[in-house]
Amino acid sequence: MRGPEGHHVFREIITRAVYGRGQEVAHGTVAFASIPESARKILGTTATEFKVDSVDLKGGADRRIVSVSGHFDVHVWFTTGDDTKIAKQTVTATIDVPIQPQGREEYVNEKVRAWVVRHPECKSAVLDEAAHRIEVEVQTSVAAEVTGETKLKVLMATPAELTPVTPERQPMKPKPAPVPDWEDDEEESKSPEDD
């Protein structure tokens, strides 16, 4: 659509759009300090799902950080002589996710959401017999998204301006059937009168 002087017409609208997204991988060590003196060998480890407790948005207009807080449990199995024991530790963690903006627009009434990309995994476990301590290395990954209301300029156009101009279709002409390439047999083509 063009204005009175032939210029394109823009309209300003307010819409909710994605400000930006981000993802962060977090590493940590979970210490089991109350292990019996008779502990000799680690048999296995496991971690439960990361449960998100709260999500907070921090930072200014030029830099956004989503702070994701949650908790999960870590279990470790180990031997004490001829017996098997299990220990459990509840871990609370806060992971800061930097948000990469997708544009330069200004946003208001921002909303944030976060989700777990990869639940906690036990990467390694070490038994310190002298200190009666087990340390388990854990890794997890979370992502976050920030949306907000922003003003956008939209180009107005009439249906005629939006319809692409295409050349008219030419009617299809049938292709001629191929002619067989036979060689004339002189013997068969002779008439009886020719003899």
C-alpha atoms as a PDB file:
ATOM      1  CA  MET A   1       0.000   0.000   0.000  1.00  0.00           C
ATOM      2  CA  ARG A   2       1.317   3.395  -0.904  1.00  0.00           C
ATOM      3  CA  GLY A   3       0.565   6.740   0.686  1.00  0.00           C
ATOM      4  CA  PRO A   4      -0.547   9.908  -1.113  1.00  0.00           C
ATOM      5  CA  GLU A   5       3.007  10.632  -2.264  1.00  0.00           C
ATOM      6  CA  GLY A   6       3.659   7.095  -3.456  1.00  0.00           C
ATOM      7  CA  HIS A   7       5.626   5.994  -0.402  1.00  0.00           C
ATOM      8  CA  HIS A   8       5.041   2.642   1.277  1.00  0.00           C
ATOM      9  CA  VAL A   9       2.776   2.778   4.349  1.00  0.00           C
ATOM     10  CA  PHE A  10       3.998   1.249   7.615  1.00  0.00           C
ATOM     11  CA  ARG A  11       1.830   0.508  10.627  1.00  0.00           C
ATOM     12  CA  GLU A  12       3.113   0.156  14.183  1.00  0.00           C
ATOM     13  CA  ILE A  13       1.776  -2.810  16.156  1.00  0.00           C
ATOM     14  CA  ILE A  14       2.404  -4.188  19.629  1.00  0.00           C
ATOM     15  CA  THR A  15       3.017  -7.927  19.772  1.00  0.00           C
ATOM     16  CA  ARG A  16       4.540 -10.547  22.055  1.00  0.00           C
ATOM     17  CA  ALA A  17       7.743 -11.934  20.610  1.00  0.00           C
ATOM     18  CA  VAL A  18      10.822 -13.900  21.644  1.00  0.00           C
ATOM     19  CA  TYR A  19      13.557 -11.651  23.024  1.00  0.00           C
ATOM     20  CA  GLY A  20      16.115 -14.448  23.094  1.00  0.00           C
ATOM     21  CA  ARG A  21      17.070 -17.958  24.142  1.00  0.00           C
ATOM     22  CA  GLY A  22      20.032 -19.613  25.824  1.00  0.00           C
ATOM     23  CA  GLN A  23      21.374 -22.921  27.091  1.00  0.00           C
ATOM     24  CA  GLU A  24      23.921 -23.766  29.769  1.00  0.00           C
ATOM     25  CA  VAL A  25      25.753 -26.966  30.727  1.00  0.00           C
ATOM     26  CA  ALA A  26      26.603 -27.173  34.429  1.00  0.00           C
ATOM     27  CA  HIS A  27      29.188 -29.379  36.160  1.00  0.00           C
ATOM     28  CA  GLY A  28      29.489 -30.007  39.866  1.00  0.00           C
ATOM     29  CA  THR A  29      30.884 -32.341  42.500  1.00  0.00           C
ATOM     30  CA  VAL A  30      28.618 -33.929  45.092  1.00  0.00           C
ATOM     31  CA  ALA A  31      30.459 -34.936  48.293  1.00  0.00           C
ATOM     32  CA  PHE A  32      29.331 -37.793  50.558  1.00  0.00           C
ATOM     33  CA  ALA A  33      31.227 -37.062  53.760  1.00  0.00           C
ATOM     34  CA  SER A  34      29.561 -39.509  56.192  1.00  0.00           C
ATOM     35  CA  ILE A  35      30.848 -42.753  54.685  1.00  0.00           C
ATOM     36  CA  PRO A  36      31.722 -45.628  57.075  1.00  0.00           C
ATOM     37  CA  GLU A  37      35.393 -46.322  57.654  1.00  0.00           C
ATOM     38  CA  SER A  38      34.875 -49.825  56.264  1.00  0.00           C
ATOM     39  CA  ALA A  39      33.875 -48.536  52.792  1.00  0.00           C
ATOM     40  CA  ARG A  40      36.091 -50.220  50.195  1.00  0.00           C
ATOM     41  CA  LYS A  41      34.600 -50.035  46.699  1.00  0.00           C
ATOM     42  CA  ILE A  42      32.028 -47.995  44.746  1.00  0.00           C
ATOM     43  CA  LEU A  43      29.492 -50.233  42.996  1.00  0.00           C
ATOM     44  CA  GLY A  44      27.432 -47.606  41.174  1.00  0.00           C
ATOM     45  CA  THR A  45      25.897 -44.135  41.118  1.00  0.00           C
ATOM     46  CA  THR A  46      22.699 -42.593  39.793  1.00  0.00           C
ATOM     47  CA  ALA A  47      20.907 -39.236  39.807  1.00  0.00           C
ATOM     48  CA  THR A  48      17.208 -38.397  39.717  1.00  0.00           C
ATOM     49  CA  GLU A  49      15.562 -35.824  37.449  1.00  0.00           C
ATOM     50  CA  PHE A  50      16.312 -32.133  37.919  1.00  0.00           C
ATOM     51  CA  LYS A  51      13.155 -30.500  39.298  1.00  0.00           C
ATOM     52  CA  VAL A  52      12.936 -26.756  38.634  1.00  0.00           C
ATOM     53  CA  ASP A  53      11.827 -24.823  41.721  1.00  0.00           C
ATOM     54  CA  SER A  54      12.112 -21.212  40.544  1.00  0.00           C
ATOM     55  CA  VAL A  55      13.086 -19.146  37.514  1.00  0.00           C
ATOM     56  CA  ASP A  56      14.265 -15.537  37.829  1.00  0.00           C
ATOM     57  CA  LEU A  57      15.240 -12.955  35.225  1.00  0.00           C
ATOM     58  CA  LYS A  58      18.284 -10.821  36.005  1.00  0.00           C
ATOM     59  CA  GLY A  59      20.316  -8.196  34.188  1.00  0.00           C
ATOM     60  CA  GLY A  60      19.693  -4.975  32.309  1.00  0.00           C
ATOM     61  CA  ALA A  61      18.441  -4.085  28.859  1.00  0.00           C
ATOM     62  CA  ASP A  62      21.733  -5.020  27.210  1.00  0.00           C
ATOM     63  CA  ARG A  63      22.250  -8.350  29.008  1.00  0.00           C
ATOM     64  CA  ARG A  64      19.723 -10.874  30.300  1.00  0.00           C
ATOM     65  CA  ILE A  65      20.453 -13.851  32.543  1.00  0.00           C
ATOM     66  CA  VAL A  66      17.875 -16.443  33.583  1.00  0.00           C
ATOM     67  CA  SER A  67      18.643 -17.960  36.977  1.00  0.00           C
ATOM     68  CA  VAL A  68      17.224 -21.494  37.194  1.00  0.00           C
ATOM     69  CA  SER A  69      17.040 -23.047  40.674  1.00  0.00           C
ATOM     70  CA  GLY A  70      16.129 -26.645  41.352  1.00  0.00           C
ATOM     71  CA  HIS A  71      17.032 -29.857  43.111  1.00  0.00           C
ATOM     72  CA  PHE A  72      17.796 -33.526  42.475  1.00  0.00           C
ATOM     73  CA  ASP A  73      19.035 -36.576  44.374  1.00  0.00           C
ATOM     74  CA  VAL A  74      22.281 -38.487  43.922  1.00  0.00           C
ATOM     75  CA  HIS A  75      22.595 -42.115  45.084  1.00  0.00           C
ATOM     76  CA  VAL A  76      25.805 -44.084  45.484  1.00  0.00           C
ATOM     77  CA  TRP A  77      26.254 -47.804  46.221  1.00  0.00           C
ATOM     78  CA  PHE A  78      29.422 -49.089  47.885  1.00  0.00           C
ATOM     79  CA  THR A  79      30.740 -52.122  49.738  1.00  0.00           C
ATOM     80  CA  THR A  80      31.776 -52.353  53.371  1.00  0.00           C
ATOM     81  CA  GLY A  81      33.456 -55.716  53.754  1.00  0.00           C
ATOM     82  CA  ASP A  82      30.809 -58.323  52.878  1.00  0.00           C
ATOM     83  CA  ASP A  83      27.895 -55.850  53.036  1.00  0.00           C
ATOM     84  CA  THR A  84      26.465 -53.363  50.526  1.00  0.00           C
ATOM     85  CA  LYS A  85      25.448 -49.854  51.568  1.00  0.00           C
ATOM     86  CA  ILE A  86      23.675 -46.996  49.805  1.00  0.00           C
ATOM     87  CA  ALA A  87      23.946 -43.288  50.482  1.00  0.00           C
ATOM     88  CA  LYS A  88      21.699 -40.488  49.244  1.00  0.00           C
ATOM     89  CA  GLN A  89      22.383 -36.789  48.910  1.00  0.00           C
ATOM     90  CA  THR A  90      19.835 -34.110  47.922  1.00  0.00           C
ATOM     91  CA  VAL A  91      21.476 -31.434  45.810  1.00  0.00           C
ATOM     92  CA  THR A  92      20.141 -27.913  45.377  1.00  0.00           C
ATOM     93  CA  ALA A  93      21.598 -26.029  42.415  1.00  0.00           C
ATOM     94  CA  THR A  94      21.238 -22.663  40.708  1.00  0.00           C
ATOM     95  CA  ILE A  95      22.292 -22.407  37.079  1.00  0.00           C
ATOM     96  CA  ASP A  96      22.645 -19.037  35.321  1.00  0.00           C
ATOM     97  CA  VAL A  97      21.695 -19.157  31.639  1.00  0.00           C
ATOM     98  CA  PRO A  98      22.922 -16.228  29.489  1.00  0.00           C
ATOM     99  CA  ILE A  99      20.275 -15.163  26.975  1.00  0.00           C
ATOM    100  CA  GLN A 100      21.308 -14.274  23.444  1.00  0.00           C
ATOM    101  CA  PRO A 101      19.011 -11.522  22.072  1.00  0.00           C
ATOM    102  CA  GLN A 102      17.497 -12.099  18.634  1.00  0.00           C
ATOM    103  CA  GLY A 103      17.043  -8.438  17.700  1.00  0.00           C
ATOM    104  CA  ARG A 104      17.419  -4.840  18.822  1.00  0.00           C
ATOM    105  CA  GLU A 105      13.810  -4.150  19.768  1.00  0.00           C
ATOM    106  CA  GLU A 106      12.910  -2.920  23.260  1.00  0.00           C
ATOM    107  CA  TYR A 107      10.702  -5.238  25.331  1.00  0.00           C
ATOM    108  CA  VAL A 108       8.307  -4.721  28.243  1.00  0.00           C
ATOM    109  CA  ASN A 109       6.211  -7.113  30.368  1.00  0.00           C
ATOM    110  CA  GLU A 110       8.827  -9.822  29.975  1.00  0.00           C
ATOM    111  CA  LYS A 111       8.076 -13.440  30.776  1.00  0.00           C
ATOM    112  CA  VAL A 112      10.577 -16.229  31.211  1.00  0.00           C
ATOM    113  CA  ARG A 113      10.416 -20.005  31.061  1.00  0.00           C
ATOM    114  CA  ALA A 114      13.058 -22.669  31.594  1.00  0.00           C
ATOM    115  CA  TRP A 115      13.302 -26.391  30.939  1.00  0.00           C
ATOM    116  CA  VAL A 116      15.761 -29.229  31.435  1.00  0.00           C
ATOM    117  CA  VAL A 117      17.610 -30.237  28.282  1.00  0.00           C
ATOM    118  CA  ARG A 118      19.516 -33.088  29.914  1.00  0.00           C
ATOM    119  CA  HIS A 119      18.814 -34.401  33.404  1.00  0.00           C
ATOM    120  CA  PRO A 120      21.729 -34.909  35.821  1.00  0.00           C
ATOM    121  CA  GLU A 121      24.216 -37.634  34.900  1.00  0.00           C
ATOM    122  CA  CYS A 122      26.896 -39.075  37.144  1.00  0.00           C
ATOM    123  CA  LYS A 123      30.113 -38.841  35.156  1.00  0.00           C
ATOM    124  CA  SER A 124      32.590 -40.259  37.670  1.00  0.00           C
ATOM    125  CA  ALA A 125      32.925 -41.258  41.335  1.00  0.00           C
ATOM    126  CA  VAL A 126      35.984 -41.400  43.587  1.00  0.00           C
ATOM    127  CA  LEU A 127      36.339 -43.055  47.019  1.00  0.00           C
ATOM    128  CA  ASP A 128      38.824 -41.464  49.406  1.00  0.00           C
ATOM    129  CA  GLU A 129      39.272 -44.198  52.024  1.00  0.00           C
ATOM    130  CA  ALA A 130      41.552 -42.096  54.215  1.00  0.00           C
ATOM    131  CA  ALA A 131      38.992 -39.266  54.436  1.00  0.00           C
ATOM    132  CA  HIS A 132      35.963 -41.620  54.438  1.00  0.00           C
ATOM    133  CA  ARG A 133      34.539 -39.577  51.589  1.00  0.00           C
ATOM    134  CA  ILE A 134      32.992 -40.221  48.165  1.00  0.00           C
ATOM    135  CA  GLU A 135      32.906 -37.528  45.493  1.00  0.00           C
ATOM    136  CA  VAL A 136      30.580 -37.841  42.495  1.00  0.00           C
ATOM    137  CA  GLU A 137      30.933 -35.587  39.448  1.00  0.00           C
ATOM    138  CA  VAL A 138      27.543 -34.629  38.012  1.00  0.00           C
ATOM    139  CA  GLN A 139      26.593 -32.846  34.782  1.00  0.00           C
ATOM    140  CA  THR A 140      23.254 -31.377  33.713  1.00  0.00           C
ATOM    141  CA  SER A 141      21.954 -28.939  31.093  1.00  0.00           C
ATOM    142  CA  VAL A 142      19.107 -26.404  31.149  1.00  0.00           C
ATOM    143  CA  ALA A 143      17.689 -23.908  28.654  1.00  0.00           C
ATOM    144  CA  ALA A 144      15.638 -20.740  28.980  1.00  0.00           C
ATOM    145  CA  GLU A 145      13.605 -18.355  26.855  1.00  0.00           C
ATOM    146  CA  VAL A 146      12.554 -14.742  27.409  1.00  0.00           C
ATOM    147  CA  THR A 147       9.533 -13.216  25.679  1.00  0.00           C
ATOM    148  CA  GLY A 148       8.065  -9.741  25.927  1.00  0.00           C
ATOM    149  CA  GLU A 149       5.869  -7.136  24.340  1.00  0.00           C
ATOM    150  CA  THR A 150       7.497  -4.988  21.690  1.00  0.00           C
ATOM    151  CA  LYS A 151       6.560  -2.517  18.967  1.00  0.00           C
ATOM    152  CA  LEU A 152       7.083  -3.576  15.380  1.00  0.00           C
ATOM    153  CA  LYS A 153       6.599  -1.704  12.119  1.00  0.00           C
ATOM    154  CA  VAL A 154       4.644  -3.704   9.555  1.00  0.00           C
ATOM    155  CA  LEU A 155       4.549  -2.893   5.860  1.00  0.00           C
ATOM    156  CA  MET A 156       0.975  -2.518   4.672  1.00  0.00           C
ATOM    157  CA  ALA A 157       0.151  -3.871   1.212  1.00  0.00           C
ATOM    158  CA  THR A 158      -2.940  -4.367  -0.914  1.00  0.00           C
ATOM    159  CA  PRO A 159      -3.813  -7.831  -2.266  1.00  0.00           C
ATOM    160  CA  ALA A 160      -2.699  -6.717  -5.735  1.00  0.00           C
ATOM    161  CA  GLU A 161       0.720  -5.843  -4.362  1.00  0.00           C
ATOM    162  CA  LEU A 162       1.000  -9.232  -2.677  1.00  0.00           C
ATOM    163  CA  THR A 163      -0.140 -11.359  -5.654  1.00  0.00           C
ATOM    164  CA  PRO A 164       2.860 -12.414  -7.720  1.00  0.00           C
ATOM    165  CA  VAL A 165       2.640 -11.726 -11.427  1.00  0.00           C
ATOM    166  CA  THR A 166       3.041 -14.948 -13.402  1.00  0.00           C
ATOM    167  CA  PRO A 167       3.093 -15.389 -17.194  1.00  0.00           C
ATOM    168  CA  GLU A 168      -0.004 -16.948 -18.701  1.00  0.00           C
ATOM    169  CA  ARG A 169       0.191 -20.665 -19.124  1.00  0.00           C
ATOM    170  CA  GLN A 170       0.463 -21.853 -22.689  1.00  0.00           C
ATOM    171  CA  PRO A 171      -1.786 -24.797 -23.618  1.00  0.00           C
ATOM    172  CA  MET A 172       0.133 -27.992 -23.885  1.00  0.00           C
ATOM    173  CA  LYS A 173       0.563 -29.245 -27.412  1.00  0.00           C
ATOM    174  CA  PRO A 174       0.409 -33.010 -27.881  1.00  0.00           C
ATOM    175  CA  LYS A 175       3.643 -34.512 -29.033  1.00  0.00           C
ATOM    176  CA  PRO A 176       3.491 -36.471 -32.303  1.00  0.00           C
ATOM    177  CA  ALA A 177       3.770 -40.214 -31.978  1.00  0.00           C
ATOM    178  CA  PRO A 178       7.171 -41.582 -32.973  1.00  0.00           C
ATOM    179  CA  VAL A 179       7.344 -43.061 -36.492  1.00  0.00           C
ATOM    180  CA  PRO A 180       8.813 -46.575 -36.585  1.00  0.00           C
ATOM    181  CA  ASP A 181      12.017 -46.803 -38.610  1.00  0.00           C
ATOM    182  CA  TRP A 182      11.274 -49.907 -40.693  1.00  0.00           C
ATOM    183  CA  GLU A 183      13.308 -50.873 -43.736  1.00  0.00           C
ATOM    184  CA  ASP A 184      11.243 -51.861 -46.794  1.00  0.00           C
ATOM    185  CA  ASP A 185      11.592 -55.478 -47.773  1.00  0.00           C
ATOM    186  CA  GLU A 186      12.025 -55.408 -51.562  1.00  0.00           C
ATOM    187  CA  GLU A 187      10.955 -59.040 -52.008  1.00  0.00           C
ATOM    188  CA  GLU A 188       7.620 -58.508 -50.207  1.00  0.00           C
ATOM    189  CA  SER A 189       6.944 -55.212 -51.950  1.00  0.00           C
ATOM    190  CA  LYS A 190       7.028 -56.681 -55.479  1.00  0.00           C
ATOM    191  CA  SER A 191       3.698 -57.392 -57.180  1.00  0.00           C
ATOM    192  CA  PRO A 192       3.106 -60.567 -59.290  1.00  0.00           C
ATOM    193  CA  GLU A 193       2.930 -58.481 -62.468  1.00  0.00           C
ATOM    194  CA  ASP A 194       6.558 -57.458 -61.958  1.00  0.00           C
ATOM    195  CA  ASP A 195       7.766 -61.011 -62.674  1.00  0.00           C
END
